[in-house]
Amino acid sequence: MSDPTTTAANDSAAKDAEAAPPGEELATALRQRDEYYDKLQRAHADFVNYQKRAKTQAEADRLYLIKPLALDILDALDNFDRAIETARAGGASAIAEGLVMVEKQFIAALNKHGVEPIPALGQPFDPNFHEAIMQQPDAFHPEGTVVNEFAKGYMLNDRVIRPSKVAVSIRPAE
């Protein structure tokens, strides 16, 4: 005994085959093949683009992975600078020299991982690298020049992770 649903499906397919002209069935199959091939090519291109984006993102993540650690260490380095200045002002030059040696080790370790200081003093003010804290009248420097640095700025590879906090020269009042 045959299954009624299978028989009905076969009858429907047979009727469609009888109704369609002989070349039209082939043309329909070729059209479907071309559509599926086009979809396959698009899916492959999307996958290749995804792989490229993922690789680029992974590389960027690797380059900037140490940013939070570097920022924490930079705060400690600021305190080292303050301690050195205090030791020098208090006449404890031996302690100041010891602190300078330790500070140089920290800076060398940061440099090894792509963290570099941003030059500021005497440079033209650049809002991409400097944060102006104040304006300072100065007759010796051109207007818009960094004349005082309150906190060093640093870059990690090619990105600013902390801008320099600076005073910018303006023309003195006449």
N, C-alpha and C. Protein backbone atom coordinates (compact mmCIF):
# COMPACT_ATOMS: atom_id res chain seq x y z
N MET A 1 0.84 -1.17 0.00
CA MET A 1 0.00 0.00 0.00
C MET A 1 0.88 1.23 0.00
N SER A 2 0.55 2.26 -0.78
CA SER A 2 1.38 3.45 -0.89
C SER A 2 0.89 4.55 0.03
N ASP A 3 1.81 5.41 0.39
CA ASP A 3 1.52 6.54 1.28
C ASP A 3 0.78 7.61 0.48
N PRO A 4 -0.38 8.11 0.98
CA PRO A 4 -1.15 9.08 0.19
C PRO A 4 -0.41 10.40 0.01
N THR A 5 0.41 10.86 0.97
CA THR A 5 1.11 12.15 0.81
C THR A 5 2.21 12.02 -0.23
N THR A 6 2.89 10.89 -0.27
CA THR A 6 3.94 10.69 -1.26
C THR A 6 3.34 10.65 -2.66
N THR A 7 2.22 9.97 -2.77
CA THR A 7 1.55 9.87 -4.06
C THR A 7 1.08 11.24 -4.54
N ALA A 8 0.54 12.05 -3.62
CA ALA A 8 0.05 13.38 -3.99
C ALA A 8 1.21 14.26 -4.43
N ALA A 9 2.36 14.17 -3.75
CA ALA A 9 3.52 14.98 -4.11
C ALA A 9 4.06 14.56 -5.47
N ASN A 10 4.11 13.26 -5.70
CA ASN A 10 4.59 12.78 -6.99
C ASN A 10 3.66 13.21 -8.11
N ASP A 11 2.34 13.15 -7.86
CA ASP A 11 1.37 13.58 -8.86
C ASP A 11 1.54 15.06 -9.18
N SER A 12 1.78 15.89 -8.13
CA SER A 12 1.95 17.33 -8.33
C SER A 12 3.20 17.61 -9.16
N ALA A 13 4.31 16.90 -8.85
CA ALA A 13 5.55 17.10 -9.59
C ALA A 13 5.37 16.66 -11.03
N ALA A 14 4.63 15.59 -11.22
CA ALA A 14 4.39 15.09 -12.58
C ALA A 14 3.57 16.08 -13.37
N LYS A 15 2.57 16.69 -12.73
CA LYS A 15 1.74 17.68 -13.43
C LYS A 15 2.57 18.91 -13.80
N ASP A 16 3.48 19.36 -12.86
CA ASP A 16 4.32 20.52 -13.14
C ASP A 16 5.25 20.21 -14.31
N ALA A 17 5.79 18.99 -14.33
CA ALA A 17 6.70 18.61 -15.41
C ALA A 17 5.96 18.57 -16.73
N GLU A 18 4.73 18.12 -16.68
CA GLU A 18 3.94 18.07 -17.92
C GLU A 18 3.56 19.47 -18.36
N ALA A 19 3.30 20.39 -17.39
CA ALA A 19 2.85 21.73 -17.73
C ALA A 19 3.99 22.60 -18.23
N ALA A 20 5.22 22.40 -17.74
CA ALA A 20 6.34 23.25 -18.12
C ALA A 20 6.90 22.78 -19.46
N PRO A 21 7.24 23.74 -20.30
CA PRO A 21 7.90 23.38 -21.57
C PRO A 21 9.26 22.76 -21.27
N PRO A 22 9.79 21.93 -22.13
CA PRO A 22 11.01 21.19 -21.86
C PRO A 22 12.22 22.08 -21.51
N GLY A 23 12.44 23.21 -22.15
CA GLY A 23 13.60 24.06 -21.88
C GLY A 23 13.43 24.94 -20.65
N GLU A 24 12.21 25.18 -20.22
CA GLU A 24 11.95 26.08 -19.10
C GLU A 24 12.40 25.46 -17.78
N GLU A 25 12.27 24.18 -17.62
CA GLU A 25 12.70 23.50 -16.40
C GLU A 25 14.22 23.63 -16.24
N LEU A 26 14.94 23.47 -17.34
CA LEU A 26 16.39 23.63 -17.32
C LEU A 26 16.75 25.08 -17.01
N ALA A 27 16.06 26.01 -17.60
CA ALA A 27 16.33 27.43 -17.36
C ALA A 27 16.09 27.79 -15.91
N THR A 28 15.03 27.24 -15.32
CA THR A 28 14.74 27.49 -13.89
C THR A 28 15.85 26.92 -13.02
N ALA A 29 16.30 25.73 -13.34
CA ALA A 29 17.38 25.11 -12.57
C ALA A 29 18.67 25.91 -12.70
N LEU A 30 18.97 26.41 -13.88
CA LEU A 30 20.17 27.22 -14.08
C LEU A 30 20.08 28.55 -13.31
N ARG A 31 18.91 29.16 -13.32
CA ARG A 31 18.70 30.40 -12.57
C ARG A 31 18.91 30.18 -11.08
N GLN A 32 18.37 29.10 -10.56
CA GLN A 32 18.55 28.77 -9.14
C GLN A 32 20.02 28.51 -8.84
N ARG A 33 20.70 27.78 -9.74
CA ARG A 33 22.12 27.52 -9.54
C ARG A 33 22.89 28.84 -9.46
N ASP A 34 22.60 29.78 -10.37
CA ASP A 34 23.30 31.07 -10.38
C ASP A 34 23.01 31.87 -9.12
N GLU A 35 21.77 31.82 -8.64
CA GLU A 35 21.42 32.53 -7.40
C GLU A 35 22.18 31.95 -6.22
N TYR A 36 22.22 30.61 -6.13
CA TYR A 36 22.92 29.97 -5.03
C TYR A 36 24.42 30.25 -5.10
N TYR A 37 24.98 30.25 -6.30
CA TYR A 37 26.40 30.53 -6.47
C TYR A 37 26.72 31.97 -6.05
N ASP A 38 25.85 32.89 -6.44
CA ASP A 38 26.03 34.29 -6.05
C ASP A 38 25.98 34.44 -4.53
N LYS A 39 25.01 33.76 -3.89
CA LYS A 39 24.91 33.81 -2.43
C LYS A 39 26.14 33.21 -1.77
N LEU A 40 26.65 32.13 -2.34
CA LEU A 40 27.85 31.50 -1.81
C LEU A 40 29.04 32.45 -1.91
N GLN A 41 29.18 33.13 -3.04
CA GLN A 41 30.29 34.07 -3.21
C GLN A 41 30.18 35.23 -2.22
N ARG A 42 28.98 35.73 -2.04
CA ARG A 42 28.78 36.83 -1.08
C ARG A 42 29.10 36.38 0.35
N ALA A 43 28.64 35.18 0.70
CA ALA A 43 28.91 34.66 2.04
C ALA A 43 30.42 34.46 2.24
N HIS A 44 31.10 33.99 1.23
CA HIS A 44 32.55 33.80 1.32
C HIS A 44 33.24 35.15 1.48
N ALA A 45 32.86 36.14 0.70
CA ALA A 45 33.45 37.48 0.80
C ALA A 45 33.19 38.08 2.19
N ASP A 46 31.97 37.91 2.70
CA ASP A 46 31.66 38.41 4.04
C ASP A 46 32.54 37.73 5.09
N PHE A 47 32.76 36.44 4.93
CA PHE A 47 33.58 35.70 5.89
C PHE A 47 35.04 36.16 5.83
N VAL A 48 35.56 36.36 4.62
CA VAL A 48 36.94 36.84 4.47
C VAL A 48 37.07 38.23 5.09
N ASN A 49 36.11 39.11 4.85
CA ASN A 49 36.14 40.44 5.45
C ASN A 49 36.06 40.37 6.97
N TYR A 50 35.25 39.47 7.49
CA TYR A 50 35.15 39.28 8.94
C TYR A 50 36.49 38.85 9.51
N GLN A 51 37.15 37.92 8.82
CA GLN A 51 38.46 37.45 9.30
C GLN A 51 39.46 38.61 9.33
N LYS A 52 39.46 39.46 8.30
CA LYS A 52 40.37 40.60 8.26
C LYS A 52 40.08 41.57 9.41
N ARG A 53 38.79 41.86 9.62
CA ARG A 53 38.41 42.78 10.72
C ARG A 53 38.81 42.20 12.07
N ALA A 54 38.58 40.91 12.25
CA ALA A 54 38.92 40.27 13.53
C ALA A 54 40.43 40.31 13.76
N LYS A 55 41.21 40.07 12.71
CA LYS A 55 42.67 40.12 12.84
C LYS A 55 43.13 41.53 13.18
N THR A 56 42.58 42.53 12.50
CA THR A 56 42.94 43.92 12.77
C THR A 56 42.57 44.31 14.19
N GLN A 57 41.39 43.92 14.63
CA GLN A 57 40.94 44.23 15.99
C GLN A 57 41.81 43.54 17.03
N ALA A 58 42.18 42.29 16.78
CA ALA A 58 43.03 41.56 17.72
C ALA A 58 44.40 42.23 17.83
N GLU A 59 44.94 42.70 16.70
CA GLU A 59 46.23 43.40 16.72
C GLU A 59 46.12 44.71 17.50
N ALA A 60 45.05 45.47 17.28
CA ALA A 60 44.85 46.72 18.01
C ALA A 60 44.68 46.45 19.51
N ASP A 61 43.93 45.42 19.84
CA ASP A 61 43.76 45.05 21.25
C ASP A 61 45.09 44.69 21.89
N ARG A 62 45.93 43.97 21.16
CA ARG A 62 47.23 43.57 21.68
C ARG A 62 48.12 44.79 21.91
N LEU A 63 48.09 45.74 20.97
CA LEU A 63 48.93 46.94 21.08
C LEU A 63 48.56 47.80 22.28
N TYR A 64 47.28 47.85 22.61
CA TYR A 64 46.82 48.78 23.64
C TYR A 64 46.36 48.07 24.91
N LEU A 65 46.75 46.80 25.06
CA LEU A 65 46.35 46.01 26.20
C LEU A 65 46.89 46.56 27.52
N ILE A 66 48.07 47.17 27.48
CA ILE A 66 48.70 47.63 28.72
C ILE A 66 48.26 49.03 29.14
N LYS A 67 47.35 49.64 28.42
CA LYS A 67 46.95 51.02 28.73
C LYS A 67 46.53 51.21 30.19
N PRO A 68 45.63 50.40 30.75
CA PRO A 68 45.24 50.63 32.15
C PRO A 68 46.42 50.52 33.12
N LEU A 69 47.28 49.56 32.89
CA LEU A 69 48.46 49.40 33.75
C LEU A 69 49.39 50.60 33.59
N ALA A 70 49.60 51.04 32.36
CA ALA A 70 50.48 52.18 32.12
C ALA A 70 49.94 53.43 32.82
N LEU A 71 48.65 53.66 32.75
CA LEU A 71 48.07 54.84 33.42
C LEU A 71 48.29 54.79 34.92
N ASP A 72 48.16 53.61 35.52
CA ASP A 72 48.40 53.49 36.96
C ASP A 72 49.86 53.76 37.30
N ILE A 73 50.77 53.25 36.48
CA ILE A 73 52.20 53.46 36.72
C ILE A 73 52.56 54.93 36.51
N LEU A 74 51.92 55.58 35.54
CA LEU A 74 52.22 57.00 35.29
C LEU A 74 51.85 57.86 36.49
N ASP A 75 50.77 57.51 37.17
CA ASP A 75 50.42 58.24 38.39
C ASP A 75 51.51 58.07 39.45
N ALA A 76 52.06 56.88 39.56
CA ALA A 76 53.15 56.64 40.51
C ALA A 76 54.40 57.43 40.09
N LEU A 77 54.66 57.51 38.78
CA LEU A 77 55.81 58.29 38.30
C LEU A 77 55.66 59.77 38.63
N ASP A 78 54.44 60.28 38.55
CA ASP A 78 54.21 61.68 38.93
C ASP A 78 54.61 61.89 40.39
N ASN A 79 54.27 60.95 41.23
CA ASN A 79 54.65 61.05 42.65
C ASN A 79 56.16 60.93 42.83
N PHE A 80 56.81 60.12 42.00
CA PHE A 80 58.27 60.04 42.05
C PHE A 80 58.87 61.41 41.74
N ASP A 81 58.35 62.08 40.71
CA ASP A 81 58.85 63.42 40.36
C ASP A 81 58.70 64.37 41.54
N ARG A 82 57.56 64.31 42.19
CA ARG A 82 57.33 65.19 43.35
C ARG A 82 58.29 64.85 44.49
N ALA A 83 58.52 63.57 44.72
CA ALA A 83 59.44 63.14 45.78
C ALA A 83 60.86 63.59 45.47
N ILE A 84 61.26 63.51 44.23
CA ILE A 84 62.60 63.94 43.83
C ILE A 84 62.77 65.44 44.08
N GLU A 85 61.79 66.22 43.66
CA GLU A 85 61.85 67.67 43.86
C GLU A 85 61.88 68.01 45.35
N THR A 86 61.09 67.31 46.14
CA THR A 86 61.07 67.56 47.59
C THR A 86 62.40 67.20 48.22
N ALA A 87 62.99 66.07 47.81
CA ALA A 87 64.28 65.65 48.35
C ALA A 87 65.38 66.65 47.98
N ARG A 88 65.36 67.12 46.74
CA ARG A 88 66.35 68.11 46.32
C ARG A 88 66.19 69.42 47.08
N ALA A 89 64.93 69.84 47.26
CA ALA A 89 64.67 71.09 47.98
C ALA A 89 65.05 70.97 49.45
N GLY A 90 64.95 69.78 50.01
CA GLY A 90 65.27 69.56 51.42
C GLY A 90 66.74 69.25 51.65
N GLY A 91 67.54 69.22 50.60
CA GLY A 91 68.97 68.98 50.75
C GLY A 91 69.34 67.52 50.82
N ALA A 92 68.43 66.63 50.52
CA ALA A 92 68.72 65.19 50.55
C ALA A 92 69.05 64.72 49.14
N SER A 93 70.19 65.17 48.64
CA SER A 93 70.55 64.87 47.25
C SER A 93 70.81 63.38 47.02
N ALA A 94 71.32 62.67 48.02
CA ALA A 94 71.57 61.23 47.86
C ALA A 94 70.25 60.48 47.67
N ILE A 95 69.25 60.87 48.44
CA ILE A 95 67.92 60.24 48.29
C ILE A 95 67.33 60.60 46.93
N ALA A 96 67.49 61.86 46.54
CA ALA A 96 66.97 62.30 45.24
C ALA A 96 67.61 61.50 44.11
N GLU A 97 68.92 61.27 44.18
CA GLU A 97 69.59 60.51 43.13
C GLU A 97 69.11 59.06 43.10
N GLY A 98 68.85 58.48 44.24
CA GLY A 98 68.30 57.12 44.28
C GLY A 98 66.92 57.06 43.65
N LEU A 99 66.10 58.06 43.95
CA LEU A 99 64.76 58.11 43.36
C LEU A 99 64.84 58.30 41.84
N VAL A 100 65.79 59.10 41.38
CA VAL A 100 65.97 59.32 39.94
C VAL A 100 66.33 57.99 39.26
N MET A 101 67.18 57.20 39.88
CA MET A 101 67.56 55.91 39.29
C MET A 101 66.34 54.98 39.18
N VAL A 102 65.52 54.93 40.22
CA VAL A 102 64.33 54.08 40.19
C VAL A 102 63.34 54.60 39.13
N GLU A 103 63.20 55.91 39.07
CA GLU A 103 62.30 56.51 38.07
C GLU A 103 62.75 56.15 36.66
N LYS A 104 64.05 56.19 36.40
CA LYS A 104 64.58 55.84 35.07
C LYS A 104 64.27 54.38 34.73
N GLN A 105 64.30 53.51 35.72
CA GLN A 105 63.96 52.10 35.47
C GLN A 105 62.49 51.95 35.08
N PHE A 106 61.63 52.67 35.77
CA PHE A 106 60.20 52.65 35.41
C PHE A 106 59.99 53.16 33.99
N ILE A 107 60.63 54.26 33.66
CA ILE A 107 60.47 54.86 32.33
C ILE A 107 61.01 53.92 31.26
N ALA A 108 62.13 53.27 31.52
CA ALA A 108 62.70 52.32 30.55
C ALA A 108 61.75 51.14 30.34
N ALA A 109 61.15 50.66 31.41
CA ALA A 109 60.20 49.54 31.28
C ALA A 109 58.98 49.97 30.46
N LEU A 110 58.49 51.17 30.70
CA LEU A 110 57.35 51.66 29.93
C LEU A 110 57.73 51.86 28.46
N ASN A 111 58.91 52.42 28.20
CA ASN A 111 59.37 52.63 26.83
C ASN A 111 59.45 51.32 26.07
N LYS A 112 59.89 50.28 26.76
CA LYS A 112 60.02 48.95 26.15
C LYS A 112 58.67 48.45 25.63
N HIS A 113 57.59 48.90 26.25
CA HIS A 113 56.25 48.46 25.85
C HIS A 113 55.49 49.52 25.07
N GLY A 114 56.20 50.52 24.54
CA GLY A 114 55.58 51.49 23.64
C GLY A 114 55.04 52.74 24.29
N VAL A 115 55.30 52.95 25.59
CA VAL A 115 54.83 54.16 26.26
C VAL A 115 55.95 55.19 26.22
N GLU A 116 55.67 56.34 25.60
CA GLU A 116 56.66 57.40 25.43
C GLU A 116 56.09 58.72 25.94
N PRO A 117 56.96 59.58 26.53
CA PRO A 117 56.48 60.90 26.96
C PRO A 117 56.21 61.80 25.76
N ILE A 118 55.28 62.72 25.93
CA ILE A 118 54.96 63.70 24.89
C ILE A 118 55.79 64.95 25.17
N PRO A 119 56.59 65.40 24.20
CA PRO A 119 57.34 66.64 24.42
C PRO A 119 56.37 67.82 24.54
N ALA A 120 56.62 68.69 25.51
CA ALA A 120 55.69 69.80 25.71
C ALA A 120 56.39 71.14 25.83
N LEU A 121 57.33 71.28 26.76
CA LEU A 121 57.95 72.58 27.02
C LEU A 121 58.58 73.15 25.75
N GLY A 122 58.22 74.41 25.45
CA GLY A 122 58.77 75.09 24.29
C GLY A 122 58.12 74.71 22.98
N GLN A 123 57.19 73.78 22.99
CA GLN A 123 56.50 73.33 21.78
C GLN A 123 55.25 74.19 21.54
N PRO A 124 54.83 74.33 20.31
CA PRO A 124 53.55 75.00 20.06
C PRO A 124 52.42 74.16 20.69
N PHE A 125 51.44 74.83 21.24
CA PHE A 125 50.31 74.13 21.87
C PHE A 125 49.56 73.34 20.80
N ASP A 126 49.31 72.08 21.08
CA ASP A 126 48.55 71.21 20.19
C ASP A 126 47.50 70.50 21.03
N PRO A 127 46.22 70.81 20.82
CA PRO A 127 45.17 70.20 21.66
C PRO A 127 45.07 68.68 21.51
N ASN A 128 45.71 68.12 20.50
CA ASN A 128 45.73 66.67 20.36
C ASN A 128 46.67 66.01 21.37
N PHE A 129 47.65 66.79 21.87
CA PHE A 129 48.65 66.25 22.78
C PHE A 129 48.70 66.96 24.13
N HIS A 130 48.18 68.18 24.18
CA HIS A 130 48.29 69.00 25.38
C HIS A 130 46.90 69.41 25.88
N GLU A 131 46.79 69.51 27.19
CA GLU A 131 45.58 70.03 27.82
C GLU A 131 45.98 71.33 28.52
N ALA A 132 45.42 72.45 28.04
CA ALA A 132 45.77 73.75 28.61
C ALA A 132 45.06 73.92 29.94
N ILE A 133 45.84 74.10 31.00
CA ILE A 133 45.31 74.32 32.34
C ILE A 133 45.13 75.82 32.56
N MET A 134 46.07 76.59 31.99
CA MET A 134 46.00 78.04 32.16
C MET A 134 46.77 78.73 31.05
N GLN A 135 46.53 80.04 30.94
CA GLN A 135 47.29 80.88 30.04
C GLN A 135 48.22 81.74 30.89
N GLN A 136 49.41 81.95 30.39
CA GLN A 136 50.40 82.66 31.17
C GLN A 136 51.04 83.74 30.30
N PRO A 137 50.96 85.02 30.73
CA PRO A 137 51.62 86.08 29.96
C PRO A 137 53.13 85.81 29.89
N ASP A 138 53.71 85.92 28.70
CA ASP A 138 55.13 85.65 28.52
C ASP A 138 55.65 86.46 27.35
N ALA A 139 56.67 87.29 27.61
CA ALA A 139 57.24 88.14 26.57
C ALA A 139 58.36 87.43 25.81
N PHE A 140 58.83 86.29 26.29
CA PHE A 140 59.97 85.62 25.69
C PHE A 140 59.60 84.52 24.70
N HIS A 141 58.37 84.08 24.72
CA HIS A 141 57.93 83.00 23.82
C HIS A 141 56.81 83.51 22.92
N PRO A 142 56.71 82.97 21.72
CA PRO A 142 55.57 83.34 20.86
C PRO A 142 54.26 82.90 21.49
N GLU A 143 53.21 83.60 21.16
CA GLU A 143 51.89 83.26 21.70
C GLU A 143 51.52 81.84 21.26
N GLY A 144 50.93 81.07 22.19
CA GLY A 144 50.51 79.71 21.88
C GLY A 144 51.60 78.68 22.11
N THR A 145 52.66 79.06 22.82
CA THR A 145 53.75 78.14 23.12
C THR A 145 53.57 77.60 24.54
N VAL A 146 53.89 76.33 24.74
CA VAL A 146 53.82 75.72 26.07
C VAL A 146 54.99 76.25 26.89
N VAL A 147 54.69 76.93 28.00
CA VAL A 147 55.73 77.54 28.82
C VAL A 147 55.89 76.86 30.18
N ASN A 148 54.94 76.03 30.56
CA ASN A 148 55.04 75.31 31.82
C ASN A 148 54.30 73.99 31.68
N GLU A 149 54.85 72.94 32.27
CA GLU A 149 54.23 71.62 32.21
C GLU A 149 53.93 71.17 33.64
N PHE A 150 52.65 70.98 33.93
CA PHE A 150 52.23 70.57 35.28
C PHE A 150 52.22 69.06 35.44
N ALA A 151 51.90 68.34 34.38
CA ALA A 151 51.91 66.88 34.39
C ALA A 151 52.30 66.40 33.00
N LYS A 152 53.26 65.48 32.94
CA LYS A 152 53.71 64.96 31.66
C LYS A 152 52.60 64.18 30.98
N GLY A 153 52.59 64.29 29.67
CA GLY A 153 51.67 63.50 28.87
C GLY A 153 52.41 62.30 28.29
N TYR A 154 51.66 61.27 27.95
CA TYR A 154 52.27 60.06 27.42
C TYR A 154 51.44 59.49 26.28
N MET A 155 52.15 58.82 25.38
CA MET A 155 51.52 58.12 24.26
C MET A 155 51.83 56.64 24.39
N LEU A 156 50.87 55.83 23.98
CA LEU A 156 51.06 54.38 23.88
C LEU A 156 51.01 54.06 22.40
N ASN A 157 52.16 53.68 21.86
CA ASN A 157 52.30 53.47 20.42
C ASN A 157 51.93 54.76 19.71
N ASP A 158 50.82 54.83 19.02
CA ASP A 158 50.47 56.05 18.30
C ASP A 158 49.27 56.78 18.90
N ARG A 159 48.85 56.39 20.09
CA ARG A 159 47.68 57.01 20.72
C ARG A 159 48.07 57.74 22.00
N VAL A 160 47.44 58.89 22.21
CA VAL A 160 47.64 59.61 23.46
C VAL A 160 46.86 58.89 24.55
N ILE A 161 47.55 58.51 25.63
CA ILE A 161 46.84 57.89 26.74
C ILE A 161 46.64 58.88 27.88
N ARG A 162 47.47 59.93 27.87
CA ARG A 162 47.29 61.00 28.83
C ARG A 162 47.92 62.26 28.26
N PRO A 163 47.11 63.31 28.03
CA PRO A 163 47.69 64.54 27.48
C PRO A 163 48.52 65.27 28.53
N SER A 164 49.48 66.07 28.07
CA SER A 164 50.29 66.89 28.97
C SER A 164 49.41 68.02 29.49
N LYS A 165 49.47 68.29 30.78
CA LYS A 165 48.75 69.40 31.39
C LYS A 165 49.72 70.57 31.41
N VAL A 166 49.36 71.64 30.68
CA VAL A 166 50.33 72.70 30.43
C VAL A 166 49.75 74.10 30.62
N ALA A 167 50.68 75.06 30.73
CA ALA A 167 50.35 76.49 30.68
C ALA A 167 50.80 76.98 29.31
N VAL A 168 49.97 77.80 28.66
CA VAL A 168 50.24 78.28 27.32
C VAL A 168 50.49 79.78 27.38
N SER A 169 51.49 80.23 26.61
CA SER A 169 51.86 81.65 26.62
C SER A 169 50.82 82.49 25.88
N ILE A 170 50.62 83.68 26.41
CA ILE A 170 49.84 84.72 25.74
C ILE A 170 50.66 86.00 25.78
N ARG A 171 50.27 86.97 24.99
CA ARG A 171 50.98 88.25 25.01
C ARG A 171 50.76 88.94 26.35
N PRO A 172 51.82 89.52 26.89
CA PRO A 172 51.63 90.25 28.14
C PRO A 172 50.79 91.52 27.91
N ALA A 173 50.09 91.90 28.93
CA ALA A 173 49.29 93.13 28.83
C ALA A 173 50.24 94.32 28.73
N GLU A 174 49.88 95.27 27.88
CA GLU A 174 50.76 96.43 27.67
C GLU A 174 50.39 97.57 28.57
